[in-house]
């Protein structure tokens, strides 16, 4: 299960995200007393840790 954590060393990067996604993330960050950046870091770490890295065979199917 995804658990909210606090505190990271960071580097500044710029990403363009859909407005609706940012609105949802900001609400979740506020609800959990986190910065938006802290929440996004955790979401990205969770996605990487749970990535299905099996080969994508969909292009081979016809």
PDB file of N, CA and C in Angstrom:
ATOM      1  N   UNK A   1       0.849  -1.181   0.000  1.00  0.00           N
ATOM      2  CA  UNK A   1       0.000   0.000   0.000  1.00  0.00           C
ATOM      3  C   UNK A   1       0.888   1.236   0.000  1.00  0.00           C
ATOM      4  N   UNK A   2       0.414   2.277  -0.654  1.00  0.00           N
ATOM      5  CA  UNK A   2       1.133   3.546  -0.741  1.00  0.00           C
ATOM      6  C   UNK A   2       1.048   4.272   0.593  1.00  0.00           C
ATOM      7  N   UNK A   3       2.208   4.647   1.162  1.00  0.00           N
ATOM      8  CA  UNK A   3       2.239   5.374   2.431  1.00  0.00           C
ATOM      9  C   UNK A   3       2.960   6.693   2.227  1.00  0.00           C
ATOM     10  N   UNK A   4       2.394   7.770   2.746  1.00  0.00           N
ATOM     11  CA  UNK A   4       2.964   9.101   2.630  1.00  0.00           C
ATOM     12  C   UNK A   4       4.158   9.224   3.577  1.00  0.00           C
ATOM     13  N   UNK A   5       5.298   9.720   3.058  1.00  0.00           N
ATOM     14  CA  UNK A   5       6.492   9.945   3.859  1.00  0.00           C
ATOM     15  C   UNK A   5       6.871  11.416   3.772  1.00  0.00           C
ATOM     16  N   UNK A   6       7.793  11.839   4.603  1.00  0.00           N
ATOM     17  CA  UNK A   6       8.235  13.234   4.607  1.00  0.00           C
ATOM     18  C   UNK A   6       9.752  13.318   4.553  1.00  0.00           C
ATOM     19  N   UNK A   7      10.295  14.355   3.875  1.00  0.00           N
ATOM     20  CA  UNK A   7      11.709  14.690   3.887  1.00  0.00           C
ATOM     21  C   UNK A   7      12.551  14.058   2.794  1.00  0.00           C
ATOM     22  N   UNK A   8      13.204  14.886   1.942  1.00  0.00           N
ATOM     23  CA  UNK A   8      14.076  14.417   0.866  1.00  0.00           C
ATOM     24  C   UNK A   8      15.124  15.470   0.560  1.00  0.00           C
ATOM     25  N   UNK A   9      16.296  15.051   0.034  1.00  0.00           N
ATOM     26  CA  UNK A   9      17.235  15.963  -0.609  1.00  0.00           C
ATOM     27  C   UNK A   9      16.741  16.111  -2.042  1.00  0.00           C
ATOM     28  N   UNK A  10      16.785  17.322  -2.607  1.00  0.00           N
ATOM     29  CA  UNK A  10      16.163  17.525  -3.910  1.00  0.00           C
ATOM     30  C   UNK A  10      17.042  18.277  -4.893  1.00  0.00           C
ATOM     31  N   UNK A  11      16.663  18.222  -6.159  1.00  0.00           N
ATOM     32  CA  UNK A  11      17.231  19.006  -7.244  1.00  0.00           C
ATOM     33  C   UNK A  11      16.038  19.595  -7.999  1.00  0.00           C
ATOM     34  N   UNK A  12      16.196  20.778  -8.548  1.00  0.00           N
ATOM     35  CA  UNK A  12      15.096  21.452  -9.228  1.00  0.00           C
ATOM     36  C   UNK A  12      14.996  21.010 -10.689  1.00  0.00           C
ATOM     37  N   UNK A  13      13.804  20.577 -11.111  1.00  0.00           N
ATOM     38  CA  UNK A  13      13.500  20.198 -12.493  1.00  0.00           C
ATOM     39  C   UNK A  13      12.121  20.760 -12.828  1.00  0.00           C
ATOM     40  N   UNK A  14      11.832  20.913 -14.104  1.00  0.00           N
ATOM     41  CA  UNK A  14      10.538  21.420 -14.538  1.00  0.00           C
ATOM     42  C   UNK A  14       9.822  20.355 -15.363  1.00  0.00           C
ATOM     43  N   UNK A  15       8.551  20.108 -15.043  1.00  0.00           N
ATOM     44  CA  UNK A  15       7.714  19.167 -15.782  1.00  0.00           C
ATOM     45  C   UNK A  15       6.380  19.831 -16.083  1.00  0.00           C
ATOM     46  N   UNK A  16       5.805  19.517 -17.219  1.00  0.00           N
ATOM     47  CA  UNK A  16       4.477  20.033 -17.567  1.00  0.00           C
ATOM     48  C   UNK A  16       3.468  18.927 -17.295  1.00  0.00           C
ATOM     49  N   UNK A  17       2.481  19.236 -16.470  1.00  0.00           N
ATOM     50  CA  UNK A  17       1.479  18.256 -16.058  1.00  0.00           C
ATOM     51  C   UNK A  17       0.083  18.784 -16.369  1.00  0.00           C
ATOM     52  N   UNK A  18      -0.875  17.884 -16.629  1.00  0.00           N
ATOM     53  CA  UNK A  18      -2.250  18.321 -16.861  1.00  0.00           C
ATOM     54  C   UNK A  18      -2.806  19.042 -15.628  1.00  0.00           C
ATOM     55  N   UNK A  19      -3.575  20.089 -15.861  1.00  0.00           N
ATOM     56  CA  UNK A  19      -4.131  20.899 -14.776  1.00  0.00           C
ATOM     57  C   UNK A  19      -4.943  20.047 -13.805  1.00  0.00           C
ATOM     58  N   UNK A  20      -5.764  19.152 -14.324  1.00  0.00           N
ATOM     59  CA  UNK A  20      -6.617  18.324 -13.462  1.00  0.00           C
ATOM     60  C   UNK A  20      -5.779  17.437 -12.546  1.00  0.00           C
ATOM     61  N   UNK A  21      -4.672  16.906 -13.070  1.00  0.00           N
ATOM     62  CA  UNK A  21      -3.789  16.067 -12.260  1.00  0.00           C
ATOM     63  C   UNK A  21      -3.147  16.887 -11.149  1.00  0.00           C
ATOM     64  N   UNK A  22      -2.692  18.081 -11.483  1.00  0.00           N
ATOM     65  CA  UNK A  22      -2.085  18.956 -10.480  1.00  0.00           C
ATOM     66  C   UNK A  22      -3.097  19.315  -9.403  1.00  0.00           C
ATOM     67  N   UNK A  23      -4.332  19.594  -9.794  1.00  0.00           N
ATOM     68  CA  UNK A  23      -5.377  19.899  -8.811  1.00  0.00           C
ATOM     69  C   UNK A  23      -5.571  18.736  -7.836  1.00  0.00           C
ATOM     70  N   UNK A  24      -5.625  17.515  -8.378  1.00  0.00           N
ATOM     71  CA  UNK A  24      -5.794  16.330  -7.529  1.00  0.00           C
ATOM     72  C   UNK A  24      -4.593  16.144  -6.601  1.00  0.00           C
ATOM     73  N   UNK A  25      -3.390  16.322  -7.145  1.00  0.00           N
ATOM     74  CA  UNK A  25      -2.185  16.160  -6.337  1.00  0.00           C
ATOM     75  C   UNK A  25      -2.089  17.225  -5.250  1.00  0.00           C
ATOM     76  N   UNK A  26      -2.444  18.463  -5.586  1.00  0.00           N
ATOM     77  CA  UNK A  26      -2.407  19.533  -4.584  1.00  0.00           C
ATOM     78  C   UNK A  26      -3.383  19.252  -3.447  1.00  0.00           C
ATOM     79  N   UNK A  27      -4.568  18.752  -3.773  1.00  0.00           N
ATOM     80  CA  UNK A  27      -5.551  18.427  -2.740  1.00  0.00           C
ATOM     81  C   UNK A  27      -5.039  17.304  -1.843  1.00  0.00           C
ATOM     82  N   UNK A  28      -4.434  16.295  -2.441  1.00  0.00           N
ATOM     83  CA  UNK A  28      -3.897  15.174  -1.665  1.00  0.00           C
ATOM     84  C   UNK A  28      -2.731  15.630  -0.789  1.00  0.00           C
ATOM     85  N   UNK A  29      -1.880  16.478  -1.329  1.00  0.00           N
ATOM     86  CA  UNK A  29      -0.753  17.000  -0.548  1.00  0.00           C
ATOM     87  C   UNK A  29      -1.266  17.813   0.640  1.00  0.00           C
ATOM     88  N   UNK A  30      -2.235  18.669   0.406  1.00  0.00           N
ATOM     89  CA  UNK A  30      -2.804  19.489   1.479  1.00  0.00           C
ATOM     90  C   UNK A  30      -3.421  18.602   2.560  1.00  0.00           C
ATOM     91  N   UNK A  31      -4.172  17.592   2.131  1.00  0.00           N
ATOM     92  CA  UNK A  31      -4.833  16.679   3.070  1.00  0.00           C
ATOM     93  C   UNK A  31      -3.821  15.968   3.970  1.00  0.00           C
ATOM     94  N   UNK A  32      -2.620  15.708   3.444  1.00  0.00           N
ATOM     95  CA  UNK A  32      -1.590  14.977   4.193  1.00  0.00           C
ATOM     96  C   UNK A  32      -0.488  15.875   4.734  1.00  0.00           C
ATOM     97  N   UNK A  33      -0.714  17.187   4.699  1.00  0.00           N
ATOM     98  CA  UNK A  33       0.235  18.168   5.234  1.00  0.00           C
ATOM     99  C   UNK A  33       1.633  18.004   4.630  1.00  0.00           C
ATOM    100  N   UNK A  34       1.675  17.872   3.302  1.00  0.00           N
ATOM    101  CA  UNK A  34       2.922  17.728   2.561  1.00  0.00           C
ATOM    102  C   UNK A  34       3.010  18.810   1.501  1.00  0.00           C
ATOM    103  N   UNK A  35       4.216  19.077   1.035  1.00  0.00           N
ATOM    104  CA  UNK A  35       4.352  19.931  -0.135  1.00  0.00           C
ATOM    105  C   UNK A  35       3.989  19.104  -1.364  1.00  0.00           C
ATOM    106  N   UNK A  36       3.615  19.800  -2.407  1.00  0.00           N
ATOM    107  CA  UNK A  36       3.309  19.118  -3.667  1.00  0.00           C
ATOM    108  C   UNK A  36       4.532  18.350  -4.148  1.00  0.00           C
ATOM    109  N   UNK A  37       5.704  18.932  -4.019  1.00  0.00           N
ATOM    110  CA  UNK A  37       6.929  18.259  -4.445  1.00  0.00           C
ATOM    111  C   UNK A  37       7.161  16.955  -3.689  1.00  0.00           C
ATOM    112  N   UNK A  38       6.972  16.976  -2.389  1.00  0.00           N
ATOM    113  CA  UNK A  38       7.171  15.750  -1.598  1.00  0.00           C
ATOM    114  C   UNK A  38       6.215  14.656  -2.054  1.00  0.00           C
ATOM    115  N   UNK A  39       4.979  15.014  -2.319  1.00  0.00           N
ATOM    116  CA  UNK A  39       3.999  14.023  -2.760  1.00  0.00           C
ATOM    117  C   UNK A  39       4.368  13.464  -4.124  1.00  0.00           C
ATOM    118  N   UNK A  40       4.770  14.314  -5.055  1.00  0.00           N
ATOM    119  CA  UNK A  40       5.130  13.852  -6.391  1.00  0.00           C
ATOM    120  C   UNK A  40       6.340  12.921  -6.338  1.00  0.00           C
ATOM    121  N   UNK A  41       7.321  13.230  -5.509  1.00  0.00           N
ATOM    122  CA  UNK A  41       8.483  12.348  -5.333  1.00  0.00           C
ATOM    123  C   UNK A  41       8.025  10.965  -4.899  1.00  0.00           C
ATOM    124  N   UNK A  42       7.130  10.921  -3.937  1.00  0.00           N
ATOM    125  CA  UNK A  42       6.659   9.630  -3.440  1.00  0.00           C
ATOM    126  C   UNK A  42       5.861   8.877  -4.492  1.00  0.00           C
ATOM    127  N   UNK A  43       5.046   9.588  -5.247  1.00  0.00           N
ATOM    128  CA  UNK A  43       4.279   8.948  -6.322  1.00  0.00           C
ATOM    129  C   UNK A  43       5.211   8.360  -7.384  1.00  0.00           C
ATOM    130  N   UNK A  44       6.232   9.116  -7.764  1.00  0.00           N
ATOM    131  CA  UNK A  44       7.179   8.627  -8.762  1.00  0.00           C
ATOM    132  C   UNK A  44       7.975   7.436  -8.246  1.00  0.00           C
ATOM    133  N   UNK A  45       8.422   7.497  -6.995  1.00  0.00           N
ATOM    134  CA  UNK A  45       9.134   6.351  -6.414  1.00  0.00           C
ATOM    135  C   UNK A  45       8.260   5.113  -6.382  1.00  0.00           C
ATOM    136  N   UNK A  46       7.001   5.276  -6.019  1.00  0.00           N
ATOM    137  CA  UNK A  46       6.067   4.150  -5.987  1.00  0.00           C
ATOM    138  C   UNK A  46       5.890   3.566  -7.388  1.00  0.00           C
ATOM    139  N   UNK A  47       5.727   4.442  -8.379  1.00  0.00           N
ATOM    140  CA  UNK A  47       5.553   3.976  -9.755  1.00  0.00           C
ATOM    141  C   UNK A  47       6.779   3.202 -10.235  1.00  0.00           C
ATOM    142  N   UNK A  48       7.975   3.707  -9.942  1.00  0.00           N
ATOM    143  CA  UNK A  48       9.202   3.024 -10.353  1.00  0.00           C
ATOM    144  C   UNK A  48       9.348   1.694  -9.631  1.00  0.00           C
ATOM    145  N   UNK A  49       9.082   1.671  -8.336  1.00  0.00           N
ATOM    146  CA  UNK A  49       9.215   0.440  -7.554  1.00  0.00           C
ATOM    147  C   UNK A  49       8.213  -0.630  -7.987  1.00  0.00           C
ATOM    148  N   UNK A  50       7.090  -0.224  -8.553  1.00  0.00           N
ATOM    149  CA  UNK A  50       6.038  -1.160  -8.926  1.00  0.00           C
ATOM    150  C   UNK A  50       5.857  -1.267 -10.436  1.00  0.00           C
ATOM    151  N   UNK A  51       6.862  -0.873 -11.187  1.00  0.00           N
ATOM    152  CA  UNK A  51       6.819  -0.901 -12.637  1.00  0.00           C
ATOM    153  C   UNK A  51       6.869  -2.330 -13.139  1.00  0.00           C
ATOM    154  N   UNK A  52       5.989  -2.661 -14.064  1.00  0.00           N
ATOM    155  CA  UNK A  52       6.027  -3.962 -14.722  1.00  0.00           C
ATOM    156  C   UNK A  52       7.078  -3.863 -15.815  1.00  0.00           C
ATOM    157  N   UNK A  53       8.252  -4.417 -15.567  1.00  0.00           N
ATOM    158  CA  UNK A  53       9.357  -4.283 -16.510  1.00  0.00           C
ATOM    159  C   UNK A  53       9.474  -5.480 -17.448  1.00  0.00           C
ATOM    160  N   UNK A  54       8.401  -6.262 -17.559  1.00  0.00           N
ATOM    161  CA  UNK A  54       8.422  -7.360 -18.513  1.00  0.00           C
ATOM    162  C   UNK A  54       8.369  -6.784 -19.925  1.00  0.00           C
ATOM    163  N   UNK A  55       8.962  -7.482 -20.882  1.00  0.00           N
ATOM    164  CA  UNK A  55       8.980  -6.972 -22.259  1.00  0.00           C
ATOM    165  C   UNK A  55       7.560  -6.748 -22.782  1.00  0.00           C
ATOM    166  N   UNK A  56       7.388  -5.678 -23.525  1.00  0.00           N
ATOM    167  CA  UNK A  56       6.084  -5.380 -24.122  1.00  0.00           C
ATOM    168  C   UNK A  56       6.002  -6.111 -25.448  1.00  0.00           C
ATOM    169  N   UNK A  57       5.172  -7.118 -25.489  1.00  0.00           N
ATOM    170  CA  UNK A  57       5.033  -7.925 -26.700  1.00  0.00           C
ATOM    171  C   UNK A  57       3.870  -7.479 -27.567  1.00  0.00           C
ATOM    172  N   UNK A  58       3.222  -6.383 -27.209  1.00  0.00           N
ATOM    173  CA  UNK A  58       2.040  -5.960 -27.963  1.00  0.00           C
ATOM    174  C   UNK A  58       2.370  -5.599 -29.395  1.00  0.00           C
ATOM    175  N   UNK A  59       3.590  -5.118 -29.681  1.00  0.00           N
ATOM    176  CA  UNK A  59       3.954  -4.762 -31.049  1.00  0.00           C
ATOM    177  C   UNK A  59       4.202  -6.009 -31.898  1.00  0.00           C
ATOM    178  N   UNK A  60       4.442  -7.145 -31.260  1.00  0.00           N
ATOM    179  CA  UNK A  60       4.686  -8.385 -31.990  1.00  0.00           C
ATOM    180  C   UNK A  60       3.390  -9.074 -32.366  1.00  0.00           C
ATOM    181  N   UNK A  61       2.284  -8.753 -31.706  1.00  0.00           N
ATOM    182  CA  UNK A  61       0.994  -9.389 -31.984  1.00  0.00           C
ATOM    183  C   UNK A  61       0.367  -8.726 -33.200  1.00  0.00           C
ATOM    184  N   UNK A  62      -0.182  -9.530 -34.084  1.00  0.00           N
ATOM    185  CA  UNK A  62      -0.821  -8.982 -35.299  1.00  0.00           C
ATOM    186  C   UNK A  62      -2.186  -9.573 -35.499  1.00  0.00           C
TER     187      UNK A  62
END
